[in-house]
Amino acid sequence: MSAATKGKGAAIAAALAYVLLWGGATAYLYATGGDWSTGVAVIAIFGLGLGGVAWLLTRGADAPRIEVKRPAVESGAIIVYLALYAVLFLGFGMTWARQVLPAGQQQELLVMGLKLGVHIVLPALLLMLLGAKLGPITQLGLSGRKFWRTFIVLGLVILALVCVITPSLKQISGIPPTFDTMIWAVPLGFIWITLEAGACEEFLFRGILQTRLTSWCNSAWAGVIVTSLIFGLAHAPGLFMRGGPDVDGWSTDPLQVIAHTIAVLSPIGLTFGLIYARTKSLLLVILLHGLVDVLPSLAEFVQTWR
């Protein structure tokens, strides 16, 4: 069997598995009284809507293939790392970080340092120990990748959607959003959340994991789909251990939490995975990820740093 045939088979298998897992997760949430409607909305808006827009915007992107010397070994090592990361860091580590210092600036600096270390420094060191090169996954892709049109158009669409489907504007109105406040809060808040969420998660999941799985499966589609599932599932331990009644997706039923991460978080991973697969621009997905989170986090950022 040729490599191309194996790759096509892997893509079909991954797509079928995703449909079954997402459908099963949504059905379980419905059957057990969980929030199934959010998953349907997210896959429609992010998975299909934004994914379709991203597909059109990245048509013609000339992105080189990222070569991986030992895809099976590197993929396995990163998956083991992620299993430990999900439990030890998102569960116990973040709990410790939120308890060792009172809420405020020092706590936020501690959390930022931990996230940068766990999402970027440690996995980068792991790959280097395995003999992998980091250069190919840190490409900016500013030319020939449809970077600017994708960032501008998709970024505006994302900001508009966030304004409509989240309570961000209502939260910001309580600051209140004066000119003196917003002139520093908007740019600094965007930089902060882009580092904390965008750079950390996209480096680990898209830059490192997706490139390894893509090479291992010999299929970009399989890499995108499997990474999006792992992206969702990795959040389950932290959500279950650190969440509460006021946190979206939390439940005393761990299967409900797992179902929520598959139904709600994995479709977002599909869109970012598609963009990265088409452009190989880590900077692009980092910035777009930052735009998704900047408005929902802005009010809290101002309260912390004002």
C-alpha atoms as a PDB file:
ATOM      1  CA  MET A   1       0.000   0.000   0.000  1.00  0.00           C
ATOM      2  CA  SER A   2       1.398   3.404  -0.991  1.00  0.00           C
ATOM      3  CA  ALA A   3       1.953   6.239   1.475  1.00  0.00           C
ATOM      4  CA  ALA A   4      -0.741   8.310  -0.287  1.00  0.00           C
ATOM      5  CA  THR A   5      -3.267   5.502   0.071  1.00  0.00           C
ATOM      6  CA  LYS A   6      -2.411   5.071   3.751  1.00  0.00           C
ATOM      7  CA  GLY A   7      -2.797   8.809   4.255  1.00  0.00           C
ATOM      8  CA  LYS A   8      -6.207   8.854   2.608  1.00  0.00           C
ATOM      9  CA  GLY A   9      -7.302   5.907   4.710  1.00  0.00           C
ATOM     10  CA  ALA A  10      -6.100   7.633   7.878  1.00  0.00           C
ATOM     11  CA  ALA A  11      -8.031  10.789   6.966  1.00  0.00           C
ATOM     12  CA  ILE A  12     -11.259   8.859   6.357  1.00  0.00           C
ATOM     13  CA  ALA A  13     -10.861   6.881   9.584  1.00  0.00           C
ATOM     14  CA  ALA A  14     -10.158  10.058  11.579  1.00  0.00           C
ATOM     15  CA  ALA A  15     -13.173  11.842  10.071  1.00  0.00           C
ATOM     16  CA  LEU A  16     -15.509   8.925  10.827  1.00  0.00           C
ATOM     17  CA  ALA A  17     -14.155   8.643  14.366  1.00  0.00           C
ATOM     18  CA  TYR A  18     -14.677  12.362  14.895  1.00  0.00           C
ATOM     19  CA  VAL A  19     -18.277  12.266  13.691  1.00  0.00           C
ATOM     20  CA  LEU A  20     -19.021   9.320  15.978  1.00  0.00           C
ATOM     21  CA  LEU A  21     -17.281  10.841  19.011  1.00  0.00           C
ATOM     22  CA  TRP A  22     -18.765  14.312  18.563  1.00  0.00           C
ATOM     23  CA  GLY A  23     -22.221  12.882  17.912  1.00  0.00           C
ATOM     24  CA  GLY A  24     -21.926  10.518  20.863  1.00  0.00           C
ATOM     25  CA  ALA A  25     -20.731  13.288  23.173  1.00  0.00           C
ATOM     26  CA  THR A  26     -23.582  15.588  22.156  1.00  0.00           C
ATOM     27  CA  ALA A  27     -26.115  12.773  22.544  1.00  0.00           C
ATOM     28  CA  TYR A  28     -24.772  11.960  26.017  1.00  0.00           C
ATOM     29  CA  LEU A  29     -25.086  15.582  27.089  1.00  0.00           C
ATOM     30  CA  TYR A  30     -28.668  15.646  25.794  1.00  0.00           C
ATOM     31  CA  ALA A  31     -29.588  12.371  27.505  1.00  0.00           C
ATOM     32  CA  THR A  32     -28.106  13.390  30.867  1.00  0.00           C
ATOM     33  CA  GLY A  33     -29.404  16.958  30.950  1.00  0.00           C
ATOM     34  CA  GLY A  34     -26.125  18.587  30.017  1.00  0.00           C
ATOM     35  CA  ASP A  35     -25.592  21.623  27.798  1.00  0.00           C
ATOM     36  CA  TRP A  36     -25.759  19.950  24.390  1.00  0.00           C
ATOM     37  CA  SER A  37     -26.945  23.066  22.529  1.00  0.00           C
ATOM     38  CA  THR A  38     -23.631  24.897  22.999  1.00  0.00           C
ATOM     39  CA  GLY A  39     -21.809  22.086  21.216  1.00  0.00           C
ATOM     40  CA  VAL A  40     -24.216  22.292  18.285  1.00  0.00           C
ATOM     41  CA  ALA A  41     -23.786  26.072  18.108  1.00  0.00           C
ATOM     42  CA  VAL A  42     -19.987  25.873  18.326  1.00  0.00           C
ATOM     43  CA  ILE A  43     -19.591  23.252  15.617  1.00  0.00           C
ATOM     44  CA  ALA A  44     -21.951  25.225  13.370  1.00  0.00           C
ATOM     45  CA  ILE A  45     -20.255  28.573  13.977  1.00  0.00           C
ATOM     46  CA  PHE A  46     -16.607  27.624  14.514  1.00  0.00           C
ATOM     47  CA  GLY A  47     -16.318  24.207  12.921  1.00  0.00           C
ATOM     48  CA  LEU A  48     -18.349  24.846   9.779  1.00  0.00           C
ATOM     49  CA  GLY A  49     -18.796  28.624   9.531  1.00  0.00           C
ATOM     50  CA  LEU A  50     -15.343  29.897  10.461  1.00  0.00           C
ATOM     51  CA  GLY A  51     -13.745  26.757   9.062  1.00  0.00           C
ATOM     52  CA  GLY A  52     -15.362  27.441   5.693  1.00  0.00           C
ATOM     53  CA  VAL A  53     -14.277  31.076   5.733  1.00  0.00           C
ATOM     54  CA  ALA A  54     -10.746  30.026   6.693  1.00  0.00           C
ATOM     55  CA  TRP A  55     -10.687  27.492   3.838  1.00  0.00           C
ATOM     56  CA  LEU A  56     -11.617  30.185   1.303  1.00  0.00           C
ATOM     57  CA  LEU A  57      -9.181  32.747   2.706  1.00  0.00           C
ATOM     58  CA  THR A  58      -6.243  30.336   2.671  1.00  0.00           C
ATOM     59  CA  ARG A  59      -6.790  29.081  -0.874  1.00  0.00           C
ATOM     60  CA  GLY A  60      -3.537  29.324  -2.763  1.00  0.00           C
ATOM     61  CA  ALA A  61      -1.368  29.464   0.344  1.00  0.00           C
ATOM     62  CA  ASP A  62       2.068  28.124  -0.537  1.00  0.00           C
ATOM     63  CA  ALA A  63       3.217  26.467   2.680  1.00  0.00           C
ATOM     64  CA  PRO A  64       6.089  23.947   2.739  1.00  0.00           C
ATOM     65  CA  ARG A  65       5.665  20.503   4.253  1.00  0.00           C
ATOM     66  CA  ILE A  66       7.173  20.177   7.723  1.00  0.00           C
ATOM     67  CA  GLU A  67       9.420  17.136   7.827  1.00  0.00           C
ATOM     68  CA  VAL A  68       9.542  15.014  10.969  1.00  0.00           C
ATOM     69  CA  LYS A  69      12.391  12.513  11.306  1.00  0.00           C
ATOM     70  CA  ARG A  70      10.747  10.046  13.695  1.00  0.00           C
ATOM     71  CA  PRO A  71       7.018  10.793  13.645  1.00  0.00           C
ATOM     72  CA  ALA A  72       5.885   7.728  15.602  1.00  0.00           C
ATOM     73  CA  VAL A  73       8.409   8.235  18.403  1.00  0.00           C
ATOM     74  CA  GLU A  74       7.872  11.986  18.616  1.00  0.00           C
ATOM     75  CA  SER A  75       4.068  11.664  18.457  1.00  0.00           C
ATOM     76  CA  GLY A  76       4.087   9.058  21.204  1.00  0.00           C
ATOM     77  CA  ALA A  77       6.343  11.155  23.410  1.00  0.00           C
ATOM     78  CA  ILE A  78       4.169  14.252  23.006  1.00  0.00           C
ATOM     79  CA  ILE A  79       0.965  12.309  23.697  1.00  0.00           C
ATOM     80  CA  VAL A  80       2.468  10.918  26.916  1.00  0.00           C
ATOM     81  CA  TYR A  81       3.566  14.441  27.825  1.00  0.00           C
ATOM     82  CA  LEU A  82       0.034  15.739  27.201  1.00  0.00           C
ATOM     83  CA  ALA A  83      -1.492  13.039  29.402  1.00  0.00           C
ATOM     84  CA  LEU A  84       0.776  14.121  32.256  1.00  0.00           C
ATOM     85  CA  TYR A  85       0.162  17.793  31.443  1.00  0.00           C
ATOM     86  CA  ALA A  86      -3.622  17.382  31.548  1.00  0.00           C
ATOM     87  CA  VAL A  87      -3.637  15.832  35.021  1.00  0.00           C
ATOM     88  CA  LEU A  88      -0.556  17.205  36.763  1.00  0.00           C
ATOM     89  CA  PHE A  89      -0.616  20.752  35.386  1.00  0.00           C
ATOM     90  CA  LEU A  90      -4.207  21.603  34.429  1.00  0.00           C
ATOM     91  CA  GLY A  91      -5.484  19.743  37.449  1.00  0.00           C
ATOM     92  CA  PHE A  92      -3.051  19.922  40.369  1.00  0.00           C
ATOM     93  CA  GLY A  93      -0.592  22.538  39.091  1.00  0.00           C
ATOM     94  CA  MET A  94      -3.145  25.220  38.316  1.00  0.00           C
ATOM     95  CA  THR A  95      -4.962  24.503  41.577  1.00  0.00           C
ATOM     96  CA  TRP A  96      -1.718  25.108  43.451  1.00  0.00           C
ATOM     97  CA  ALA A  97      -0.981  28.290  41.481  1.00  0.00           C
ATOM     98  CA  ARG A  98      -4.402  29.728  42.288  1.00  0.00           C
ATOM     99  CA  GLN A  99      -4.030  28.916  45.998  1.00  0.00           C
ATOM    100  CA  VAL A 100      -0.403  29.741  46.783  1.00  0.00           C
ATOM    101  CA  LEU A 101      -0.921  33.444  46.095  1.00  0.00           C
ATOM    102  CA  PRO A 102      -4.028  35.619  46.529  1.00  0.00           C
ATOM    103  CA  ALA A 103      -5.879  36.707  43.414  1.00  0.00           C
ATOM    104  CA  GLY A 104      -4.122  39.633  41.828  1.00  0.00           C
ATOM    105  CA  GLN A 105      -1.100  40.645  39.810  1.00  0.00           C
ATOM    106  CA  GLN A 106       1.423  38.315  41.454  1.00  0.00           C
ATOM    107  CA  GLN A 107      -0.849  35.323  40.949  1.00  0.00           C
ATOM    108  CA  GLU A 108      -1.341  36.208  37.288  1.00  0.00           C
ATOM    109  CA  LEU A 109       2.417  36.533  36.748  1.00  0.00           C
ATOM    110  CA  LEU A 110       2.956  33.142  38.375  1.00  0.00           C
ATOM    111  CA  VAL A 111       0.297  31.532  36.180  1.00  0.00           C
ATOM    112  CA  MET A 112       1.762  33.135  33.061  1.00  0.00           C
ATOM    113  CA  GLY A 113       5.243  31.853  33.896  1.00  0.00           C
ATOM    114  CA  LEU A 114       3.952  28.341  34.565  1.00  0.00           C
ATOM    115  CA  LYS A 115       1.957  28.277  31.328  1.00  0.00           C
ATOM    116  CA  LEU A 116       4.895  29.454  29.219  1.00  0.00           C
ATOM    117  CA  GLY A 117       7.127  26.842  30.828  1.00  0.00           C
ATOM    118  CA  VAL A 118       4.708  23.928  30.503  1.00  0.00           C
ATOM    119  CA  HIS A 119       3.325  24.750  27.048  1.00  0.00           C
ATOM    120  CA  ILE A 120       6.482  25.967  25.323  1.00  0.00           C
ATOM    121  CA  VAL A 121       9.762  25.429  27.190  1.00  0.00           C
ATOM    122  CA  LEU A 122       9.303  21.826  28.363  1.00  0.00           C
ATOM    123  CA  PRO A 123       7.825  20.399  25.127  1.00  0.00           C
ATOM    124  CA  ALA A 124      10.490  22.232  23.119  1.00  0.00           C
ATOM    125  CA  LEU A 125      13.195  20.650  25.284  1.00  0.00           C
ATOM    126  CA  LEU A 126      11.539  17.253  24.853  1.00  0.00           C
ATOM    127  CA  LEU A 127      11.637  17.554  21.067  1.00  0.00           C
ATOM    128  CA  MET A 128      15.236  18.707  21.141  1.00  0.00           C
ATOM    129  CA  LEU A 129      16.152  15.668  23.255  1.00  0.00           C
ATOM    130  CA  LEU A 130      14.530  13.524  20.565  1.00  0.00           C
ATOM    131  CA  GLY A 131      16.667  15.216  17.916  1.00  0.00           C
ATOM    132  CA  ALA A 132      13.867  17.264  16.349  1.00  0.00           C
ATOM    133  CA  LYS A 133      14.336  20.744  14.898  1.00  0.00           C
ATOM    134  CA  LEU A 134      12.129  23.564  16.191  1.00  0.00           C
ATOM    135  CA  GLY A 135      12.740  25.984  13.328  1.00  0.00           C
ATOM    136  CA  PRO A 136      10.144  24.548  10.896  1.00  0.00           C
ATOM    137  CA  ILE A 137       7.270  24.949  13.371  1.00  0.00           C
ATOM    138  CA  THR A 138       8.070  28.577  14.234  1.00  0.00           C
ATOM    139  CA  GLN A 139       7.653  29.957  10.705  1.00  0.00           C
ATOM    140  CA  LEU A 140       5.999  33.385  10.537  1.00  0.00           C
ATOM    141  CA  GLY A 141       4.621  32.838   7.050  1.00  0.00           C
ATOM    142  CA  LEU A 142       4.079  36.538   6.381  1.00  0.00           C
ATOM    143  CA  SER A 143       4.376  36.168   2.603  1.00  0.00           C
ATOM    144  CA  GLY A 144       2.989  33.601   0.208  1.00  0.00           C
ATOM    145  CA  ARG A 145       0.699  32.072   2.859  1.00  0.00           C
ATOM    146  CA  LYS A 146      -2.338  34.403   2.570  1.00  0.00           C
ATOM    147  CA  PHE A 147      -1.368  35.630   6.041  1.00  0.00           C
ATOM    148  CA  TRP A 148      -2.644  39.182   5.979  1.00  0.00           C
ATOM    149  CA  ARG A 149      -5.979  38.631   4.283  1.00  0.00           C
ATOM    150  CA  THR A 150      -6.706  35.687   6.585  1.00  0.00           C
ATOM    151  CA  PHE A 151      -5.728  37.605   9.703  1.00  0.00           C
ATOM    152  CA  ILE A 152      -7.664  40.756   8.816  1.00  0.00           C
ATOM    153  CA  VAL A 153     -10.860  39.206   7.426  1.00  0.00           C
ATOM    154  CA  LEU A 154     -11.118  36.249   9.783  1.00  0.00           C
ATOM    155  CA  GLY A 155     -10.033  38.425  12.711  1.00  0.00           C
ATOM    156  CA  LEU A 156     -12.876  40.880  12.082  1.00  0.00           C
ATOM    157  CA  VAL A 157     -15.350  38.016  11.740  1.00  0.00           C
ATOM    158  CA  ILE A 158     -14.138  36.508  15.012  1.00  0.00           C
ATOM    159  CA  LEU A 159     -14.441  39.809  16.899  1.00  0.00           C
ATOM    160  CA  ALA A 160     -17.956  40.347  15.538  1.00  0.00           C
ATOM    161  CA  LEU A 161     -19.018  36.828  16.560  1.00  0.00           C
ATOM    162  CA  VAL A 162     -17.543  37.220  20.042  1.00  0.00           C
ATOM    163  CA  CYS A 163     -19.479  40.471  20.503  1.00  0.00           C
ATOM    164  CA  VAL A 164     -22.731  38.733  19.519  1.00  0.00           C
ATOM    165  CA  ILE A 165     -22.494  35.313  21.173  1.00  0.00           C
ATOM    166  CA  THR A 166     -20.666  36.146  24.431  1.00  0.00           C
ATOM    167  CA  PRO A 167     -21.465  38.595  27.275  1.00  0.00           C
ATOM    168  CA  SER A 168     -18.130  40.349  26.671  1.00  0.00           C
ATOM    169  CA  LEU A 169     -19.533  43.793  25.884  1.00  0.00           C
ATOM    170  CA  LYS A 170     -21.815  43.692  28.925  1.00  0.00           C
ATOM    171  CA  GLN A 171     -18.845  42.779  31.126  1.00  0.00           C
ATOM    172  CA  ILE A 172     -16.699  45.519  29.593  1.00  0.00           C
ATOM    173  CA  SER A 173     -19.469  48.090  30.135  1.00  0.00           C
ATOM    174  CA  GLY A 174     -19.115  47.495  33.862  1.00  0.00           C
ATOM    175  CA  ILE A 175     -15.451  48.612  33.959  1.00  0.00           C
ATOM    176  CA  PRO A 176     -16.525  51.366  32.804  1.00  0.00           C
ATOM    177  CA  PRO A 177     -14.837  51.562  29.362  1.00  0.00           C
ATOM    178  CA  THR A 178     -13.489  55.111  29.476  1.00  0.00           C
ATOM    179  CA  PHE A 179     -10.952  56.304  26.921  1.00  0.00           C
ATOM    180  CA  ASP A 180      -8.208  56.539  29.563  1.00  0.00           C
ATOM    181  CA  THR A 181      -8.807  52.908  30.497  1.00  0.00           C
ATOM    182  CA  MET A 182      -9.272  51.397  27.059  1.00  0.00           C
ATOM    183  CA  ILE A 183      -6.254  53.129  25.505  1.00  0.00           C
ATOM    184  CA  TRP A 184      -3.937  50.901  27.565  1.00  0.00           C
ATOM    185  CA  ALA A 185      -6.201  47.966  28.374  1.00  0.00           C
ATOM    186  CA  VAL A 186      -7.030  46.892  24.820  1.00  0.00           C
ATOM    187  CA  PRO A 187      -3.466  46.598  23.431  1.00  0.00           C
ATOM    188  CA  LEU A 188      -1.948  45.248  26.653  1.00  0.00           C
ATOM    189  CA  GLY A 189      -4.872  42.889  27.216  1.00  0.00           C
ATOM    190  CA  PHE A 190      -4.502  41.533  23.696  1.00  0.00           C
ATOM    191  CA  ILE A 191      -0.765  40.988  24.146  1.00  0.00           C
ATOM    192  CA  TRP A 192      -1.320  39.277  27.500  1.00  0.00           C
ATOM    193  CA  ILE A 193      -4.038  36.853  26.366  1.00  0.00           C
ATOM    194  CA  THR A 194      -2.222  36.177  23.100  1.00  0.00           C
ATOM    195  CA  LEU A 195       0.795  35.013  25.085  1.00  0.00           C
ATOM    196  CA  GLU A 196      -1.150  33.189  27.792  1.00  0.00           C
ATOM    197  CA  ALA A 197      -3.676  31.386  25.587  1.00  0.00           C
ATOM    198  CA  GLY A 198      -2.636  31.862  21.956  1.00  0.00           C
ATOM    199  CA  ALA A 199       1.103  31.257  22.076  1.00  0.00           C
ATOM    200  CA  CYS A 200       0.938  28.553  24.730  1.00  0.00           C
ATOM    201  CA  GLU A 201      -1.831  26.415  23.279  1.00  0.00           C
ATOM    202  CA  GLU A 202      -1.027  26.883  19.603  1.00  0.00           C
ATOM    203  CA  PHE A 203       2.673  26.106  20.047  1.00  0.00           C
ATOM    204  CA  LEU A 204       1.912  22.902  21.923  1.00  0.00           C
ATOM    205  CA  PHE A 205      -1.110  21.619  20.036  1.00  0.00           C
ATOM    206  CA  ARG A 206      -0.706  22.947  16.503  1.00  0.00           C
ATOM    207  CA  GLY A 207       3.021  23.578  16.219  1.00  0.00           C
ATOM    208  CA  ILE A 208       4.221  20.443  17.993  1.00  0.00           C
ATOM    209  CA  LEU A 209       1.433  17.854  18.191  1.00  0.00           C
ATOM    210  CA  GLN A 210      -0.316  18.445  14.867  1.00  0.00           C
ATOM    211  CA  THR A 211       2.903  18.434  12.858  1.00  0.00           C
ATOM    212  CA  ARG A 212       3.919  15.104  14.427  1.00  0.00           C
ATOM    213  CA  LEU A 213       0.533  13.462  13.920  1.00  0.00           C
ATOM    214  CA  THR A 214       0.306  14.780  10.349  1.00  0.00           C
ATOM    215  CA  SER A 215       3.635  13.175   9.499  1.00  0.00           C
ATOM    216  CA  TRP A 216       2.828   9.947  11.363  1.00  0.00           C
ATOM    217  CA  CYS A 217      -0.546   9.540   9.602  1.00  0.00           C
ATOM    218  CA  ASN A 218       0.813  10.945   6.322  1.00  0.00           C
ATOM    219  CA  SER A 219      -2.357  13.051   6.197  1.00  0.00           C
ATOM    220  CA  ALA A 220      -2.940  16.708   7.004  1.00  0.00           C
ATOM    221  CA  TRP A 221      -6.636  16.018   7.608  1.00  0.00           C
ATOM    222  CA  ALA A 222      -5.940  13.210  10.049  1.00  0.00           C
ATOM    223  CA  GLY A 223      -3.456  15.434  11.862  1.00  0.00           C
ATOM    224  CA  VAL A 224      -6.021  18.240  12.177  1.00  0.00           C
ATOM    225  CA  ILE A 225      -8.833  15.970  13.368  1.00  0.00           C
ATOM    226  CA  VAL A 226      -6.894  13.900  15.891  1.00  0.00           C
ATOM    227  CA  THR A 227      -5.195  17.008  17.296  1.00  0.00           C
ATOM    228  CA  SER A 228      -8.561  18.748  17.738  1.00  0.00           C
ATOM    229  CA  LEU A 229      -9.884  15.782  19.726  1.00  0.00           C
ATOM    230  CA  ILE A 230      -6.793  15.689  21.942  1.00  0.00           C
ATOM    231  CA  PHE A 231      -7.007  19.480  22.314  1.00  0.00           C
ATOM    232  CA  GLY A 232     -10.517  19.125  23.703  1.00  0.00           C
ATOM    233  CA  LEU A 233      -9.857  16.090  25.887  1.00  0.00           C
ATOM    234  CA  ALA A 234      -6.732  17.639  27.433  1.00  0.00           C
ATOM    235  CA  HIS A 235      -8.954  20.238  29.103  1.00  0.00           C
ATOM    236  CA  ALA A 236     -11.194  17.646  30.800  1.00  0.00           C
ATOM    237  CA  PRO A 237      -9.104  16.902  33.935  1.00  0.00           C
ATOM    238  CA  GLY A 238      -8.608  20.575  34.744  1.00  0.00           C
ATOM    239  CA  LEU A 239     -12.281  21.401  34.135  1.00  0.00           C
ATOM    240  CA  PHE A 240     -13.436  18.528  36.337  1.00  0.00           C
ATOM    241  CA  MET A 241     -10.933  19.132  39.147  1.00  0.00           C
ATOM    242  CA  ARG A 242     -10.941  22.934  39.248  1.00  0.00           C
ATOM    243  CA  GLY A 243     -14.396  23.797  37.940  1.00  0.00           C
ATOM    244  CA  GLY A 244     -17.591  24.522  39.811  1.00  0.00           C
ATOM    245  CA  PRO A 245     -21.299  25.200  39.273  1.00  0.00           C
ATOM    246  CA  ASP A 246     -20.539  28.616  37.749  1.00  0.00           C
ATOM    247  CA  VAL A 247     -18.074  27.222  35.169  1.00  0.00           C
ATOM    248  CA  ASP A 248     -19.343  26.258  31.704  1.00  0.00           C
ATOM    249  CA  GLY A 249     -19.102  22.512  31.124  1.00  0.00           C
ATOM    250  CA  TRP A 250     -18.389  21.522  34.731  1.00  0.00           C
ATOM    251  CA  SER A 251     -20.297  18.603  36.193  1.00  0.00           C
ATOM    252  CA  THR A 252     -20.038  16.075  39.001  1.00  0.00           C
ATOM    253  CA  ASP A 253     -20.278  13.469  36.242  1.00  0.00           C
ATOM    254  CA  PRO A 254     -16.790  13.115  34.679  1.00  0.00           C
ATOM    255  CA  LEU A 255     -18.309  11.665  31.499  1.00  0.00           C
ATOM    256  CA  GLN A 256     -20.345  14.837  31.072  1.00  0.00           C
ATOM    257  CA  VAL A 257     -17.168  16.906  31.381  1.00  0.00           C
ATOM    258  CA  ILE A 258     -15.414  14.747  28.782  1.00  0.00           C
ATOM    259  CA  ALA A 259     -18.440  14.987  26.493  1.00  0.00           C
ATOM    260  CA  HIS A 260     -18.419  18.777  26.881  1.00  0.00           C
ATOM    261  CA  THR A 261     -14.753  19.063  25.881  1.00  0.00           C
ATOM    262  CA  ILE A 262     -15.368  16.962  22.768  1.00  0.00           C
ATOM    263  CA  ALA A 263     -18.599  18.695  21.769  1.00  0.00           C
ATOM    264  CA  VAL A 264     -17.581  22.294  22.539  1.00  0.00           C
ATOM    265  CA  LEU A 265     -13.785  22.594  22.447  1.00  0.00           C
ATOM    266  CA  SER A 266     -12.752  20.207  19.675  1.00  0.00           C
ATOM    267  CA  PRO A 267     -14.598  22.143  16.893  1.00  0.00           C
ATOM    268  CA  ILE A 268     -12.523  25.227  17.751  1.00  0.00           C
ATOM    269  CA  GLY A 269      -9.436  23.056  17.385  1.00  0.00           C
ATOM    270  CA  LEU A 270     -10.630  21.992  13.933  1.00  0.00           C
ATOM    271  CA  THR A 271     -10.669  25.590  12.693  1.00  0.00           C
ATOM    272  CA  PHE A 272      -7.258  26.508  14.085  1.00  0.00           C
ATOM    273  CA  GLY A 273      -5.881  23.190  12.874  1.00  0.00           C
ATOM    274  CA  LEU A 274      -7.172  23.834   9.360  1.00  0.00           C
ATOM    275  CA  ILE A 275      -5.598  27.283   9.257  1.00  0.00           C
ATOM    276  CA  TYR A 276      -2.254  25.955  10.467  1.00  0.00           C
ATOM    277  CA  ALA A 277      -2.331  23.006   8.064  1.00  0.00           C
ATOM    278  CA  ARG A 278      -2.953  25.333   5.115  1.00  0.00           C
ATOM    279  CA  THR A 279      -0.501  28.113   6.048  1.00  0.00           C
ATOM    280  CA  LYS A 280       2.071  26.540   8.433  1.00  0.00           C
ATOM    281  CA  SER A 281       2.110  29.974  10.092  1.00  0.00           C
ATOM    282  CA  LEU A 282       2.224  29.578  13.852  1.00  0.00           C
ATOM    283  CA  LEU A 283       2.055  33.354  14.263  1.00  0.00           C
ATOM    284  CA  LEU A 284      -1.246  33.491  12.376  1.00  0.00           C
ATOM    285  CA  VAL A 285      -3.051  30.964  14.562  1.00  0.00           C
ATOM    286  CA  ILE A 286      -1.567  32.530  17.709  1.00  0.00           C
ATOM    287  CA  LEU A 287      -2.915  35.974  16.801  1.00  0.00           C
ATOM    288  CA  LEU A 288      -6.339  34.626  15.787  1.00  0.00           C
ATOM    289  CA  HIS A 289      -6.546  32.654  19.032  1.00  0.00           C
ATOM    290  CA  GLY A 290      -5.789  35.870  20.897  1.00  0.00           C
ATOM    291  CA  LEU A 291      -8.674  37.620  19.106  1.00  0.00           C
ATOM    292  CA  VAL A 292     -11.072  34.880  20.221  1.00  0.00           C
ATOM    293  CA  ASP A 293     -10.179  35.425  23.893  1.00  0.00           C
ATOM    294  CA  VAL A 294      -9.333  39.124  24.183  1.00  0.00           C
ATOM    295  CA  LEU A 295     -12.826  40.568  24.686  1.00  0.00           C
ATOM    296  CA  PRO A 296     -14.071  37.850  27.084  1.00  0.00           C
ATOM    297  CA  SER A 297     -10.968  38.363  29.249  1.00  0.00           C
ATOM    298  CA  LEU A 298     -10.697  42.161  29.018  1.00  0.00           C
ATOM    299  CA  ALA A 299     -12.845  43.130  32.013  1.00  0.00           C
ATOM    300  CA  GLU A 300     -10.941  40.772  34.315  1.00  0.00           C
ATOM    301  CA  PHE A 301      -7.621  42.029  32.903  1.00  0.00           C
ATOM    302  CA  VAL A 302      -8.543  45.624  33.712  1.00  0.00           C
ATOM    303  CA  GLN A 303      -9.683  44.728  37.234  1.00  0.00           C
ATOM    304  CA  THR A 304      -6.371  42.972  37.859  1.00  0.00           C
ATOM    305  CA  TRP A 305      -3.972  45.532  36.430  1.00  0.00           C
ATOM    306  CA  ARG A 306      -5.742  48.876  36.907  1.00  0.00           C
END
